[in-house]
C-alpha cells in the first residue's frame, strides 16, 4: 500500500480495510513509502500495516531487506482469502 495516494492516503485505506468484517479485514497490508522516518513507520503500524518498506526496495542492499521481503511473501502465500 502506497502511503501517498490521491483521494484517500494509505493510512486511511488501511484503516478502512481493517474495519471490514471477518477475514477481509485481516489481509496483510504492506506499507510502501518514500518517507521512511520513524513517525511514518509508527503511523503505518498504528493504521494496521505491517511490515513497512522504504521505496525503492533494494533487496541487494542487505540481508535484512531480503529477509523481510521473503517473510512478507510467505505471509501472503499462506493467507486464506475468503
Protein backbone atom coordinates (compact mmCIF):
# COMPACT_ATOMS: atom_id res chain seq x y z
CA UNK A 1 0.00 0.00 0.00
CA UNK A 2 1.47 3.29 -1.05
CA UNK A 3 1.17 5.91 1.68
CA UNK A 4 0.80 8.91 -0.63
CA UNK A 5 -2.23 8.31 -2.84
CA UNK A 6 -4.84 10.76 -4.14
CA UNK A 7 -8.29 10.96 -2.53
CA UNK A 8 -7.50 8.54 0.31
CA UNK A 9 -3.99 8.12 1.69
CA UNK A 10 -2.56 4.74 2.61
CA UNK A 11 -3.22 5.20 6.33
CA UNK A 12 -6.90 5.88 5.69
CA UNK A 13 -7.15 2.98 3.25
CA UNK A 14 -5.52 0.58 5.73
CA UNK A 15 -7.88 1.70 8.50
CA UNK A 16 -10.86 1.16 6.17
CA UNK A 17 -9.62 -2.34 5.31
CA UNK A 18 -9.07 -3.21 8.98
CA UNK A 19 -12.67 -2.13 9.70
CA UNK A 20 -14.05 -4.74 7.27
CA UNK A 21 -15.72 -7.76 8.90
CA UNK A 22 -14.16 -11.20 9.09
CA UNK A 23 -11.13 -12.35 7.13
CA UNK A 24 -11.39 -9.42 4.71
CA UNK A 25 -10.24 -7.08 7.48
CA UNK A 26 -7.27 -9.30 8.29
CA UNK A 27 -5.46 -9.37 4.96
CA UNK A 28 -1.76 -8.47 5.05
CA UNK A 29 -1.08 -4.83 4.22
CA UNK A 30 2.49 -3.89 3.39
CA UNK A 31 3.34 -0.20 3.58
CA UNK A 32 5.46 1.26 0.78
CA UNK A 33 6.71 4.78 1.31
CA UNK A 34 9.47 7.10 0.27
CA UNK A 35 9.13 8.69 3.72
CA UNK A 36 10.88 6.18 5.98
CA UNK A 37 11.08 8.34 9.07
CA UNK A 38 10.17 6.89 12.47
CA UNK A 39 6.92 8.88 12.54
CA UNK A 40 5.91 7.34 9.19
CA UNK A 41 6.69 3.84 10.49
CA UNK A 42 4.65 4.49 13.64
CA UNK A 43 1.65 5.81 11.67
CA UNK A 44 1.78 2.81 9.32
CA UNK A 45 1.80 0.34 12.20
CA UNK A 46 -0.97 2.21 14.03
CA UNK A 47 -3.18 2.12 10.93
CA UNK A 48 -2.77 -1.66 10.65
CA UNK A 49 0.04 -2.06 8.13
CA UNK A 50 2.86 -4.48 8.71
CA UNK A 51 5.63 -4.56 7.58
CA UNK A 52 6.79 -1.25 6.13
CA UNK A 53 9.30 -0.87 3.29
CA UNK A 54 11.03 2.28 2.15
CA UNK A 55 10.92 2.90 -1.60
CA UNK A 56 12.72 1.97 -3.61
CA UNK A 57 13.13 -1.52 -2.15
CA UNK A 58 16.62 -2.75 -2.92
CA UNK A 59 16.97 -6.34 -1.74
CA UNK A 60 20.63 -6.33 -2.67
CA UNK A 61 21.41 -3.70 -0.02
CA UNK A 62 21.23 -6.02 2.97
CA UNK A 63 20.18 -9.44 4.06
CA UNK A 64 17.63 -7.80 6.40
CA UNK A 65 15.69 -6.38 3.43
CA UNK A 66 15.86 -9.72 1.66
CA UNK A 67 14.57 -11.48 4.77
CA UNK A 68 11.69 -9.00 5.16
CA UNK A 69 10.63 -9.48 1.54
CA UNK A 70 10.82 -13.27 1.93
CA UNK A 71 8.73 -13.25 5.13
CA UNK A 72 6.15 -10.96 3.55
CA UNK A 73 5.79 -13.30 0.58
CA UNK A 74 5.39 -16.26 2.95
CA UNK A 75 2.62 -14.45 4.82
CA UNK A 76 0.81 -13.70 1.57
CA UNK A 77 1.14 -17.22 0.22
CA UNK A 78 -0.15 -18.78 3.46
CA UNK A 79 -3.12 -16.45 3.88
CA UNK A 80 -6.58 -17.80 3.11
CA UNK A 81 -8.70 -15.20 1.31
CA UNK A 82 -12.42 -15.63 1.81
